[in-house]
Amino acid sequence: YLLEKVRVVQQQEGERSFHIFYQMMAALSAGSCEILKSIVQSDLQSDLQVEMFNYLRASKCFHLDADISEDDAYHQTIDAMRAFGLSDE
């Protein structure tokens, strides 16, 4: 997959890193991110915030003004990946 490496470690103000990072955090907080549930301690899952991660807070843009929640967007992304034949592993 082609990824812009610079977008992972450095963003301009107002520009976010890859949306999947924010979507996964929202899904984890909502209790619906199975991928992260297995690697994040259960007592921390609902307390984690995007702002806690250096790579994600650099742009100071944490949430989108959109009609769809980040949690819902996460599930749509996962469904799309499965439709392309990617496994959950």
C-alpha atoms as a PDB file:
ATOM      1  CA  TYR A   1       0.000   0.000   0.000  1.00  0.00           C
ATOM      2  CA  LEU A   2       1.233   3.442  -0.848  1.00  0.00           C
ATOM      3  CA  LEU A   3       1.432   5.609   2.251  1.00  0.00           C
ATOM      4  CA  GLU A   4       2.855   9.062   2.590  1.00  0.00           C
ATOM      5  CA  LYS A   5       5.418   8.532   5.346  1.00  0.00           C
ATOM      6  CA  VAL A   6       5.557  12.212   6.175  1.00  0.00           C
ATOM      7  CA  ARG A   7       1.841  12.247   7.086  1.00  0.00           C
ATOM      8  CA  VAL A   8       2.459   9.745   9.863  1.00  0.00           C
ATOM      9  CA  VAL A   9       5.066  11.782  11.710  1.00  0.00           C
ATOM     10  CA  GLN A  10       4.372  15.363  10.674  1.00  0.00           C
ATOM     11  CA  GLN A  11       1.229  17.235   9.749  1.00  0.00           C
ATOM     12  CA  GLN A  12       0.459  20.857   9.128  1.00  0.00           C
ATOM     13  CA  GLU A  13      -1.847  22.505  11.609  1.00  0.00           C
ATOM     14  CA  GLY A  14      -5.429  21.560  10.838  1.00  0.00           C
ATOM     15  CA  GLU A  15      -4.419  18.478   8.820  1.00  0.00           C
ATOM     16  CA  ARG A  16      -4.797  15.084  10.401  1.00  0.00           C
ATOM     17  CA  SER A  17      -2.673  12.004  10.054  1.00  0.00           C
ATOM     18  CA  PHE A  18      -4.287   8.928   8.502  1.00  0.00           C
ATOM     19  CA  HIS A  19      -7.982   8.760   9.417  1.00  0.00           C
ATOM     20  CA  ILE A  20      -7.787   5.125  10.498  1.00  0.00           C
ATOM     21  CA  PHE A  21      -5.767   6.099  13.591  1.00  0.00           C
ATOM     22  CA  TYR A  22      -8.557   8.399  14.802  1.00  0.00           C
ATOM     23  CA  GLN A  23     -11.232   5.893  13.820  1.00  0.00           C
ATOM     24  CA  MET A  24      -9.539   3.130  15.808  1.00  0.00           C
ATOM     25  CA  MET A  25      -9.285   5.324  18.897  1.00  0.00           C
ATOM     26  CA  ALA A  26     -12.981   6.234  18.688  1.00  0.00           C
ATOM     27  CA  ALA A  27     -13.964   2.595  18.217  1.00  0.00           C
ATOM     28  CA  LEU A  28     -11.788   1.550  21.157  1.00  0.00           C
ATOM     29  CA  SER A  29     -13.414   4.176  23.401  1.00  0.00           C
ATOM     30  CA  ALA A  30     -16.832   2.924  22.273  1.00  0.00           C
ATOM     31  CA  GLY A  31     -15.774  -0.645  23.076  1.00  0.00           C
ATOM     32  CA  SER A  32     -16.073  -1.853  19.501  1.00  0.00           C
ATOM     33  CA  CYS A  33     -12.465  -2.070  18.270  1.00  0.00           C
ATOM     34  CA  GLU A  34     -11.510  -5.737  18.528  1.00  0.00           C
ATOM     35  CA  ILE A  35      -8.089  -5.110  16.973  1.00  0.00           C
ATOM     36  CA  LEU A  36      -6.938  -2.834  19.793  1.00  0.00           C
ATOM     37  CA  LYS A  37      -8.828  -4.569  22.592  1.00  0.00           C
ATOM     38  CA  SER A  38      -6.298  -7.378  22.551  1.00  0.00           C
ATOM     39  CA  ILE A  39      -3.282  -5.054  22.980  1.00  0.00           C
ATOM     40  CA  VAL A  40      -4.614  -2.270  25.240  1.00  0.00           C
ATOM     41  CA  GLN A  41      -5.247  -2.962  28.904  1.00  0.00           C
ATOM     42  CA  SER A  42      -8.979  -3.141  29.551  1.00  0.00           C
ATOM     43  CA  ASP A  43      -8.886  -0.492  32.294  1.00  0.00           C
ATOM     44  CA  LEU A  44      -7.326   2.010  29.852  1.00  0.00           C
ATOM     45  CA  GLN A  45      -9.551   1.433  26.831  1.00  0.00           C
ATOM     46  CA  SER A  46     -12.268   3.961  27.635  1.00  0.00           C
ATOM     47  CA  ASP A  47      -9.784   6.581  28.899  1.00  0.00           C
ATOM     48  CA  LEU A  48      -7.511   6.754  25.871  1.00  0.00           C
ATOM     49  CA  GLN A  49      -7.810   9.958  23.881  1.00  0.00           C
ATOM     50  CA  VAL A  50      -6.298  10.955  20.547  1.00  0.00           C
ATOM     51  CA  GLU A  51      -4.661  13.896  22.304  1.00  0.00           C
ATOM     52  CA  MET A  52      -2.474  11.476  24.307  1.00  0.00           C
ATOM     53  CA  PHE A  53      -0.466  10.389  21.261  1.00  0.00           C
ATOM     54  CA  ASN A  54       2.355  12.586  19.964  1.00  0.00           C
ATOM     55  CA  TYR A  55       1.863  11.636  16.345  1.00  0.00           C
ATOM     56  CA  LEU A  56      -1.859  12.337  16.461  1.00  0.00           C
ATOM     57  CA  ARG A  57      -1.903  15.564  18.440  1.00  0.00           C
ATOM     58  CA  ALA A  58       0.679  17.459  16.375  1.00  0.00           C
ATOM     59  CA  SER A  59      -1.900  19.089  14.097  1.00  0.00           C
ATOM     60  CA  LYS A  60      -4.350  19.930  16.896  1.00  0.00           C
ATOM     61  CA  CYS A  61      -7.150  18.569  14.696  1.00  0.00           C
ATOM     62  CA  PHE A  62      -8.710  15.742  16.689  1.00  0.00           C
ATOM     63  CA  HIS A  63     -12.251  15.465  15.375  1.00  0.00           C
ATOM     64  CA  LEU A  64     -13.928  15.973  12.028  1.00  0.00           C
ATOM     65  CA  ASP A  65     -17.058  18.014  11.565  1.00  0.00           C
ATOM     66  CA  ALA A  66     -18.953  15.292   9.749  1.00  0.00           C
ATOM     67  CA  ASP A  67     -22.314  13.586   9.774  1.00  0.00           C
ATOM     68  CA  ILE A  68     -20.734  10.207  10.565  1.00  0.00           C
ATOM     69  CA  SER A  69     -18.997   9.295  13.793  1.00  0.00           C
ATOM     70  CA  GLU A  70     -15.385   8.141  13.790  1.00  0.00           C
ATOM     71  CA  ASP A  71     -16.589   4.842  15.310  1.00  0.00           C
ATOM     72  CA  ASP A  72     -19.026   4.286  12.430  1.00  0.00           C
ATOM     73  CA  ALA A  73     -16.334   5.255   9.930  1.00  0.00           C
ATOM     74  CA  TYR A  74     -14.013   2.678  11.511  1.00  0.00           C
ATOM     75  CA  HIS A  75     -16.563  -0.090  10.963  1.00  0.00           C
ATOM     76  CA  GLN A  76     -17.142   1.025   7.375  1.00  0.00           C
ATOM     77  CA  THR A  77     -13.388   0.946   6.781  1.00  0.00           C
ATOM     78  CA  ILE A  78     -13.098  -2.568   8.242  1.00  0.00           C
ATOM     79  CA  ASP A  79     -16.066  -3.757   6.149  1.00  0.00           C
ATOM     80  CA  ALA A  80     -14.419  -2.317   3.014  1.00  0.00           C
ATOM     81  CA  MET A  81     -11.140  -4.064   3.823  1.00  0.00           C
ATOM     82  CA  ARG A  82     -12.968  -7.360   4.273  1.00  0.00           C
ATOM     83  CA  ALA A  83     -14.775  -6.810   0.958  1.00  0.00           C
ATOM     84  CA  PHE A  84     -11.353  -6.613  -0.683  1.00  0.00           C
ATOM     85  CA  GLY A  85     -10.405  -9.922   0.887  1.00  0.00           C
ATOM     86  CA  LEU A  86      -8.197  -8.712   3.732  1.00  0.00           C
ATOM     87  CA  SER A  87      -8.404 -10.939   6.770  1.00  0.00           C
ATOM     88  CA  ASP A  88      -8.878  -9.805  10.364  1.00  0.00           C
ATOM     89  CA  GLU A  89      -5.457 -11.142  11.263  1.00  0.00           C
END
